[in-house]
N, C-alpha and C. Protein backbone atom coordinates (compact mmCIF):
# COMPACT_ATOMS: atom_id res chain seq x y z
N MET A 1 2.81 6.24 23.77
CA MET A 1 1.58 6.93 23.41
C MET A 1 1.87 8.15 22.54
N ASN A 2 2.98 8.83 22.80
CA ASN A 2 3.37 9.99 22.02
C ASN A 2 3.58 9.63 20.55
N LYS A 3 4.21 8.48 20.31
CA LYS A 3 4.47 8.02 18.94
C LYS A 3 3.14 7.70 18.23
N LEU A 4 2.21 7.10 18.95
CA LEU A 4 0.91 6.80 18.38
C LEU A 4 0.17 8.09 18.02
N MET A 5 0.22 9.08 18.88
CA MET A 5 -0.44 10.36 18.60
C MET A 5 0.17 11.04 17.38
N GLU A 6 1.49 10.98 17.27
CA GLU A 6 2.18 11.55 16.10
C GLU A 6 1.74 10.83 14.83
N GLN A 7 1.63 9.51 14.93
CA GLN A 7 1.20 8.72 13.78
C GLN A 7 -0.25 9.04 13.40
N ILE A 8 -1.10 9.18 14.38
CA ILE A 8 -2.50 9.54 14.12
C ILE A 8 -2.58 10.91 13.45
N MET A 9 -1.74 11.85 13.91
CA MET A 9 -1.72 13.19 13.30
C MET A 9 -1.28 13.12 11.84
N LYS A 10 -0.23 12.36 11.55
CA LYS A 10 0.23 12.19 10.17
C LYS A 10 -0.85 11.53 9.33
N PHE A 11 -1.49 10.51 9.90
CA PHE A 11 -2.58 9.83 9.21
C PHE A 11 -3.70 10.82 8.91
N GLY A 12 -3.96 11.70 9.85
CA GLY A 12 -4.99 12.72 9.67
C GLY A 12 -4.66 13.67 8.53
N VAL A 13 -3.40 14.10 8.46
CA VAL A 13 -2.98 15.02 7.38
C VAL A 13 -3.12 14.32 6.02
N VAL A 14 -2.61 13.10 5.93
CA VAL A 14 -2.75 12.34 4.68
C VAL A 14 -4.23 12.14 4.37
N GLY A 15 -5.00 11.84 5.39
CA GLY A 15 -6.44 11.65 5.22
C GLY A 15 -7.14 12.89 4.70
N VAL A 16 -6.77 14.06 5.22
CA VAL A 16 -7.40 15.31 4.77
C VAL A 16 -7.06 15.56 3.30
N VAL A 17 -5.81 15.38 2.94
CA VAL A 17 -5.40 15.57 1.54
C VAL A 17 -6.18 14.63 0.63
N CYS A 18 -6.22 13.37 1.01
CA CYS A 18 -6.91 12.37 0.17
C CYS A 18 -8.42 12.58 0.19
N PHE A 19 -8.95 13.02 1.33
CA PHE A 19 -10.38 13.32 1.39
C PHE A 19 -10.73 14.45 0.43
N LEU A 20 -9.90 15.49 0.40
CA LEU A 20 -10.19 16.61 -0.50
C LEU A 20 -10.17 16.16 -1.96
N ILE A 21 -9.20 15.34 -2.31
CA ILE A 21 -9.14 14.79 -3.67
C ILE A 21 -10.39 13.96 -3.94
N ASP A 22 -10.71 13.07 -3.03
CA ASP A 22 -11.88 12.20 -3.14
C ASP A 22 -13.16 13.03 -3.23
N PHE A 23 -13.30 14.01 -2.34
CA PHE A 23 -14.51 14.82 -2.26
C PHE A 23 -14.73 15.62 -3.54
N VAL A 24 -13.68 16.26 -4.03
CA VAL A 24 -13.82 17.06 -5.25
C VAL A 24 -14.20 16.17 -6.44
N ILE A 25 -13.54 15.04 -6.58
CA ILE A 25 -13.87 14.13 -7.68
C ILE A 25 -15.31 13.63 -7.54
N THR A 26 -15.70 13.23 -6.34
CA THR A 26 -17.06 12.75 -6.10
C THR A 26 -18.09 13.81 -6.49
N MET A 27 -17.88 15.02 -6.03
CA MET A 27 -18.86 16.08 -6.28
C MET A 27 -18.91 16.46 -7.76
N VAL A 28 -17.76 16.55 -8.41
CA VAL A 28 -17.73 16.92 -9.83
C VAL A 28 -18.40 15.83 -10.67
N VAL A 29 -18.02 14.57 -10.45
CA VAL A 29 -18.58 13.48 -11.25
C VAL A 29 -20.08 13.34 -10.99
N SER A 30 -20.49 13.36 -9.72
CA SER A 30 -21.92 13.17 -9.43
C SER A 30 -22.76 14.33 -9.97
N THR A 31 -22.25 15.55 -9.88
CA THR A 31 -22.98 16.70 -10.41
C THR A 31 -23.08 16.63 -11.93
N LEU A 32 -21.98 16.27 -12.59
CA LEU A 32 -22.01 16.12 -14.05
C LEU A 32 -23.00 15.03 -14.48
N LEU A 33 -23.00 13.92 -13.78
CA LEU A 33 -23.91 12.83 -14.14
C LEU A 33 -25.38 13.23 -13.93
N ARG A 34 -25.64 13.97 -12.85
CA ARG A 34 -27.02 14.43 -12.60
C ARG A 34 -27.44 15.47 -13.64
N ASN A 35 -26.57 16.43 -13.90
CA ASN A 35 -26.94 17.56 -14.75
C ASN A 35 -26.83 17.30 -16.25
N THR A 36 -25.90 16.46 -16.67
CA THR A 36 -25.74 16.23 -18.11
C THR A 36 -26.38 14.93 -18.57
N ALA A 37 -26.38 13.93 -17.71
CA ALA A 37 -26.95 12.63 -18.10
C ALA A 37 -28.34 12.41 -17.49
N GLY A 38 -28.78 13.32 -16.64
CA GLY A 38 -30.10 13.18 -16.02
C GLY A 38 -30.20 12.02 -15.05
N MET A 39 -29.09 11.61 -14.49
CA MET A 39 -29.05 10.46 -13.60
C MET A 39 -29.68 10.80 -12.25
N GLU A 40 -30.28 9.80 -11.61
CA GLU A 40 -30.85 9.96 -10.27
C GLU A 40 -29.73 10.32 -9.28
N THR A 41 -30.10 11.07 -8.24
CA THR A 41 -29.12 11.54 -7.26
C THR A 41 -28.34 10.39 -6.61
N GLY A 42 -29.04 9.35 -6.18
CA GLY A 42 -28.37 8.24 -5.51
C GLY A 42 -27.37 7.52 -6.38
N THR A 43 -27.77 7.23 -7.62
CA THR A 43 -26.87 6.55 -8.56
C THR A 43 -25.67 7.41 -8.90
N ALA A 44 -25.93 8.68 -9.16
CA ALA A 44 -24.83 9.61 -9.48
C ALA A 44 -23.86 9.73 -8.31
N ALA A 45 -24.40 9.77 -7.09
CA ALA A 45 -23.55 9.88 -5.89
C ALA A 45 -22.67 8.64 -5.74
N LEU A 46 -23.24 7.47 -5.98
CA LEU A 46 -22.46 6.23 -5.84
C LEU A 46 -21.36 6.14 -6.90
N ILE A 47 -21.67 6.50 -8.12
CA ILE A 47 -20.65 6.47 -9.18
C ILE A 47 -19.56 7.50 -8.92
N GLY A 48 -19.96 8.70 -8.55
CA GLY A 48 -18.97 9.73 -8.22
C GLY A 48 -18.09 9.31 -7.06
N ALA A 49 -18.71 8.73 -6.03
CA ALA A 49 -17.96 8.28 -4.86
C ALA A 49 -16.98 7.17 -5.22
N PHE A 50 -17.38 6.29 -6.11
CA PHE A 50 -16.49 5.21 -6.55
C PHE A 50 -15.22 5.78 -7.19
N PHE A 51 -15.39 6.72 -8.11
CA PHE A 51 -14.22 7.29 -8.78
C PHE A 51 -13.36 8.10 -7.80
N GLY A 52 -13.98 8.90 -6.97
CA GLY A 52 -13.23 9.68 -5.99
C GLY A 52 -12.44 8.80 -5.04
N PHE A 53 -13.10 7.78 -4.55
CA PHE A 53 -12.49 6.87 -3.59
C PHE A 53 -11.32 6.11 -4.22
N THR A 54 -11.51 5.63 -5.44
CA THR A 54 -10.49 4.84 -6.11
C THR A 54 -9.22 5.65 -6.36
N ILE A 55 -9.37 6.84 -6.87
CA ILE A 55 -8.20 7.69 -7.14
C ILE A 55 -7.50 8.08 -5.83
N SER A 56 -8.29 8.37 -4.81
CA SER A 56 -7.68 8.76 -3.54
C SER A 56 -6.97 7.59 -2.86
N VAL A 57 -7.41 6.36 -3.11
CA VAL A 57 -6.74 5.19 -2.51
C VAL A 57 -5.30 5.07 -3.02
N ILE A 58 -5.11 5.29 -4.29
CA ILE A 58 -3.76 5.19 -4.87
C ILE A 58 -2.85 6.26 -4.24
N ILE A 59 -3.34 7.47 -4.16
CA ILE A 59 -2.56 8.55 -3.56
C ILE A 59 -2.35 8.28 -2.07
N ASN A 60 -3.38 7.76 -1.41
CA ASN A 60 -3.28 7.45 0.02
C ASN A 60 -2.23 6.38 0.28
N TYR A 61 -2.18 5.37 -0.57
CA TYR A 61 -1.16 4.33 -0.42
C TYR A 61 0.24 4.93 -0.46
N LEU A 62 0.48 5.73 -1.48
CA LEU A 62 1.81 6.31 -1.65
C LEU A 62 2.20 7.17 -0.44
N LEU A 63 1.28 8.02 0.02
CA LEU A 63 1.57 8.91 1.14
C LEU A 63 1.64 8.17 2.47
N SER A 64 0.72 7.23 2.68
CA SER A 64 0.68 6.49 3.95
C SER A 64 1.93 5.65 4.17
N MET A 65 2.35 4.96 3.13
CA MET A 65 3.49 4.07 3.29
C MET A 65 4.81 4.84 3.31
N LYS A 66 4.79 6.08 2.88
CA LYS A 66 6.00 6.90 2.95
C LYS A 66 6.08 7.68 4.26
N TYR A 67 4.95 8.22 4.73
CA TYR A 67 4.98 9.15 5.86
C TYR A 67 4.30 8.67 7.15
N VAL A 68 3.42 7.68 7.08
CA VAL A 68 2.63 7.33 8.27
C VAL A 68 3.06 6.02 8.90
N PHE A 69 3.10 4.96 8.13
CA PHE A 69 3.35 3.63 8.68
C PHE A 69 4.77 3.17 8.42
N VAL A 70 5.32 2.39 9.34
CA VAL A 70 6.65 1.80 9.19
C VAL A 70 6.45 0.48 8.45
N ARG A 71 7.01 0.41 7.26
CA ARG A 71 6.83 -0.77 6.43
C ARG A 71 7.40 -2.02 7.11
N LYS A 72 6.75 -3.15 6.84
CA LYS A 72 7.29 -4.43 7.27
C LYS A 72 8.47 -4.73 6.37
N GLU A 73 9.62 -4.95 6.97
CA GLU A 73 10.84 -5.17 6.19
C GLU A 73 10.76 -6.43 5.34
N ASP A 74 10.05 -7.43 5.83
CA ASP A 74 10.00 -8.72 5.14
C ASP A 74 8.82 -8.84 4.16
N MET A 75 8.09 -7.75 3.93
CA MET A 75 6.94 -7.81 3.04
C MET A 75 7.28 -7.22 1.68
N ASP A 76 7.01 -8.00 0.65
CA ASP A 76 7.17 -7.55 -0.73
C ASP A 76 6.23 -6.37 -0.99
N ARG A 77 6.69 -5.37 -1.71
CA ARG A 77 5.90 -4.16 -1.96
C ARG A 77 4.63 -4.45 -2.77
N ARG A 78 4.70 -5.42 -3.67
CA ARG A 78 3.49 -5.79 -4.41
C ARG A 78 2.46 -6.39 -3.48
N LYS A 79 2.91 -7.26 -2.57
CA LYS A 79 2.01 -7.85 -1.58
C LYS A 79 1.44 -6.75 -0.67
N GLU A 80 2.28 -5.81 -0.29
CA GLU A 80 1.85 -4.69 0.54
C GLU A 80 0.74 -3.90 -0.17
N PHE A 81 0.93 -3.61 -1.45
CA PHE A 81 -0.07 -2.86 -2.21
C PHE A 81 -1.36 -3.67 -2.36
N VAL A 82 -1.24 -4.97 -2.58
CA VAL A 82 -2.43 -5.83 -2.69
C VAL A 82 -3.22 -5.82 -1.39
N ILE A 83 -2.53 -5.97 -0.26
CA ILE A 83 -3.20 -5.92 1.04
C ILE A 83 -3.85 -4.56 1.25
N PHE A 84 -3.11 -3.49 0.97
CA PHE A 84 -3.64 -2.14 1.09
C PHE A 84 -4.90 -1.98 0.23
N THR A 85 -4.84 -2.49 -1.00
CA THR A 85 -5.98 -2.39 -1.91
C THR A 85 -7.17 -3.20 -1.42
N ILE A 86 -6.93 -4.41 -0.94
CA ILE A 86 -8.03 -5.24 -0.42
C ILE A 86 -8.69 -4.55 0.78
N LEU A 87 -7.88 -4.05 1.70
CA LEU A 87 -8.44 -3.33 2.85
C LEU A 87 -9.22 -2.10 2.38
N SER A 88 -8.70 -1.43 1.37
CA SER A 88 -9.38 -0.25 0.82
C SER A 88 -10.68 -0.62 0.11
N LEU A 89 -10.70 -1.76 -0.57
CA LEU A 89 -11.93 -2.21 -1.22
C LEU A 89 -13.01 -2.54 -0.19
N ILE A 90 -12.61 -3.13 0.91
CA ILE A 90 -13.56 -3.36 2.01
C ILE A 90 -14.06 -2.01 2.52
N GLY A 91 -13.14 -1.07 2.67
CA GLY A 91 -13.52 0.29 3.06
C GLY A 91 -14.46 0.92 2.05
N LEU A 92 -14.20 0.69 0.76
CA LEU A 92 -15.08 1.21 -0.29
C LEU A 92 -16.48 0.63 -0.17
N LEU A 93 -16.57 -0.66 0.10
CA LEU A 93 -17.87 -1.29 0.28
C LEU A 93 -18.63 -0.65 1.45
N ILE A 94 -17.95 -0.49 2.57
CA ILE A 94 -18.55 0.17 3.73
C ILE A 94 -18.99 1.59 3.34
N HIS A 95 -18.11 2.29 2.66
CA HIS A 95 -18.34 3.66 2.21
C HIS A 95 -19.58 3.77 1.33
N GLU A 96 -19.67 2.90 0.32
CA GLU A 96 -20.79 2.93 -0.62
C GLU A 96 -22.11 2.58 0.08
N VAL A 97 -22.08 1.61 0.98
CA VAL A 97 -23.30 1.23 1.72
C VAL A 97 -23.79 2.40 2.57
N ILE A 98 -22.86 3.08 3.23
CA ILE A 98 -23.26 4.23 4.06
C ILE A 98 -23.85 5.34 3.18
N ILE A 99 -23.23 5.62 2.04
CA ILE A 99 -23.77 6.64 1.14
C ILE A 99 -25.14 6.22 0.61
N MET A 100 -25.30 4.96 0.27
CA MET A 100 -26.58 4.47 -0.21
C MET A 100 -27.67 4.64 0.86
N ILE A 101 -27.33 4.32 2.09
CA ILE A 101 -28.29 4.49 3.18
C ILE A 101 -28.63 5.97 3.36
N CYS A 102 -27.60 6.82 3.33
CA CYS A 102 -27.82 8.26 3.50
C CYS A 102 -28.68 8.85 2.38
N ILE A 103 -28.39 8.50 1.13
CA ILE A 103 -29.09 9.10 -0.02
C ILE A 103 -30.41 8.40 -0.29
N ASP A 104 -30.36 7.10 -0.55
CA ASP A 104 -31.58 6.38 -0.93
C ASP A 104 -32.47 6.05 0.28
N GLY A 105 -31.86 5.73 1.38
CA GLY A 105 -32.64 5.35 2.55
C GLY A 105 -33.20 6.53 3.34
N ILE A 106 -32.40 7.53 3.56
CA ILE A 106 -32.83 8.66 4.38
C ILE A 106 -33.30 9.82 3.51
N TYR A 107 -32.40 10.38 2.71
CA TYR A 107 -32.74 11.56 1.89
C TYR A 107 -33.89 11.25 0.92
N GLY A 108 -33.85 10.10 0.29
CA GLY A 108 -34.86 9.75 -0.70
C GLY A 108 -36.24 9.50 -0.13
N ASN A 109 -36.33 9.20 1.15
CA ASN A 109 -37.62 8.85 1.75
C ASN A 109 -38.16 9.90 2.72
N TRP A 110 -37.40 10.91 2.99
CA TRP A 110 -37.87 11.94 3.91
C TRP A 110 -38.13 13.21 3.11
N MET A 111 -39.39 13.42 2.73
CA MET A 111 -39.74 14.55 1.87
C MET A 111 -39.38 15.89 2.51
N TRP A 112 -39.54 16.01 3.81
CA TRP A 112 -39.20 17.28 4.47
C TRP A 112 -37.71 17.58 4.33
N LEU A 113 -36.89 16.52 4.31
CA LEU A 113 -35.45 16.70 4.14
C LEU A 113 -35.13 17.17 2.72
N LYS A 114 -35.82 16.59 1.74
CA LYS A 114 -35.62 17.01 0.35
C LYS A 114 -36.00 18.47 0.15
N SER A 115 -37.00 18.94 0.88
CA SER A 115 -37.40 20.35 0.73
C SER A 115 -36.43 21.28 1.46
N TRP A 116 -35.65 20.73 2.36
CA TRP A 116 -34.75 21.52 3.18
C TRP A 116 -33.34 21.61 2.59
N ILE A 117 -32.84 20.50 2.01
CA ILE A 117 -31.48 20.50 1.47
C ILE A 117 -31.47 19.97 0.03
N SER A 118 -30.49 20.42 -0.73
CA SER A 118 -30.36 20.05 -2.14
C SER A 118 -29.72 18.66 -2.28
N PRO A 119 -29.85 18.05 -3.46
CA PRO A 119 -29.17 16.77 -3.71
C PRO A 119 -27.65 16.88 -3.52
N THR A 120 -27.08 18.02 -3.90
CA THR A 120 -25.63 18.21 -3.75
C THR A 120 -25.24 18.21 -2.28
N LEU A 121 -26.00 18.90 -1.45
CA LEU A 121 -25.72 18.94 -0.02
C LEU A 121 -25.95 17.58 0.62
N ALA A 122 -26.97 16.86 0.17
CA ALA A 122 -27.23 15.51 0.69
C ALA A 122 -26.07 14.58 0.35
N THR A 123 -25.56 14.69 -0.89
CA THR A 123 -24.42 13.87 -1.31
C THR A 123 -23.19 14.22 -0.48
N ALA A 124 -22.96 15.51 -0.27
CA ALA A 124 -21.81 15.95 0.53
C ALA A 124 -21.91 15.43 1.97
N GLY A 125 -23.09 15.53 2.56
CA GLY A 125 -23.28 15.06 3.93
C GLY A 125 -23.05 13.57 4.06
N GLY A 126 -23.61 12.80 3.13
CA GLY A 126 -23.40 11.35 3.14
C GLY A 126 -21.94 10.99 2.96
N LYS A 127 -21.28 11.73 2.08
CA LYS A 127 -19.86 11.50 1.80
C LYS A 127 -19.00 11.77 3.03
N ILE A 128 -19.27 12.87 3.71
CA ILE A 128 -18.49 13.23 4.90
C ILE A 128 -18.69 12.19 6.00
N PHE A 129 -19.94 11.80 6.23
CA PHE A 129 -20.23 10.80 7.26
C PHE A 129 -19.55 9.47 6.94
N ALA A 130 -19.69 9.01 5.69
CA ALA A 130 -19.08 7.74 5.28
C ALA A 130 -17.57 7.79 5.42
N THR A 131 -16.97 8.90 5.05
CA THR A 131 -15.52 9.06 5.13
C THR A 131 -15.03 8.97 6.57
N GLY A 132 -15.74 9.56 7.50
CA GLY A 132 -15.36 9.49 8.90
C GLY A 132 -15.34 8.06 9.42
N ILE A 133 -16.35 7.29 9.09
CA ILE A 133 -16.42 5.89 9.53
C ILE A 133 -15.30 5.08 8.89
N VAL A 134 -15.09 5.25 7.61
CA VAL A 134 -14.08 4.48 6.89
C VAL A 134 -12.67 4.88 7.32
N MET A 135 -12.47 6.13 7.72
CA MET A 135 -11.16 6.58 8.19
C MET A 135 -10.73 5.79 9.43
N ILE A 136 -11.64 5.58 10.36
CA ILE A 136 -11.33 4.80 11.56
C ILE A 136 -10.99 3.37 11.18
N TYR A 137 -11.80 2.78 10.33
CA TYR A 137 -11.55 1.42 9.84
C TYR A 137 -10.16 1.33 9.18
N ASN A 138 -9.84 2.31 8.31
CA ASN A 138 -8.57 2.30 7.60
C ASN A 138 -7.37 2.34 8.54
N PHE A 139 -7.40 3.23 9.52
CA PHE A 139 -6.26 3.35 10.42
C PHE A 139 -6.03 2.03 11.16
N ILE A 140 -7.08 1.48 11.71
CA ILE A 140 -6.96 0.25 12.51
C ILE A 140 -6.46 -0.91 11.65
N THR A 141 -7.05 -1.11 10.47
CA THR A 141 -6.65 -2.26 9.65
C THR A 141 -5.26 -2.10 9.04
N ARG A 142 -4.91 -0.89 8.62
CA ARG A 142 -3.57 -0.69 8.05
C ARG A 142 -2.50 -0.86 9.12
N LYS A 143 -2.76 -0.37 10.30
CA LYS A 143 -1.81 -0.53 11.40
C LYS A 143 -1.62 -2.01 11.72
N LYS A 144 -2.72 -2.74 11.74
CA LYS A 144 -2.66 -4.15 12.09
C LYS A 144 -1.98 -5.00 11.01
N PHE A 145 -2.31 -4.76 9.74
CA PHE A 145 -1.85 -5.65 8.67
C PHE A 145 -0.62 -5.18 7.92
N LEU A 146 -0.29 -3.89 7.97
CA LEU A 146 0.80 -3.39 7.12
C LEU A 146 2.00 -2.84 7.88
N GLU A 147 1.84 -2.54 9.16
CA GLU A 147 2.93 -1.89 9.87
C GLU A 147 3.83 -2.91 10.57
N GLN A 148 5.12 -2.59 10.54
CA GLN A 148 6.12 -3.39 11.24
C GLN A 148 5.81 -3.33 12.74
N LYS A 149 5.80 -4.47 13.39
CA LYS A 149 5.55 -4.53 14.81
C LYS A 149 6.80 -4.10 15.56
N GLU A 150 6.60 -3.32 16.63
CA GLU A 150 7.75 -2.91 17.46
C GLU A 150 8.17 -4.06 18.34
N GLY A 151 9.42 -4.09 18.61
CA GLY A 151 9.83 -5.11 19.56
C GLY A 151 11.13 -5.60 19.28
């Protein structure tokens, strides 16, 4: 159990670093698209989240496979990256759906909420919530499919 807790802590540190990269890119891109291109909040949030998530996945792969998970000795690194990417794309789909529900489903339809918080804060809230859900999914699937089994 101690080893698992240590691994979860390392995963958390890598996750925080990648979340910050993801979050900053998401917020910058979505704000630029809203303010310079006049894009709707929901669309801008999804595009920003896509770019943030994609860049952070590459960095997350490098850090996770170096510091968090014990590589499978018999797995080719290209295959490992493909599996990591496929799992991350599934995570991206979950992530985007949650953001869409938060922005278009909740924020977009609750007028009192729109009067209470800004589009930027709504995007940030949806992003944080989606990231938390996807983080749990990522740890479980990466551990199951990419880590060397003990024994």
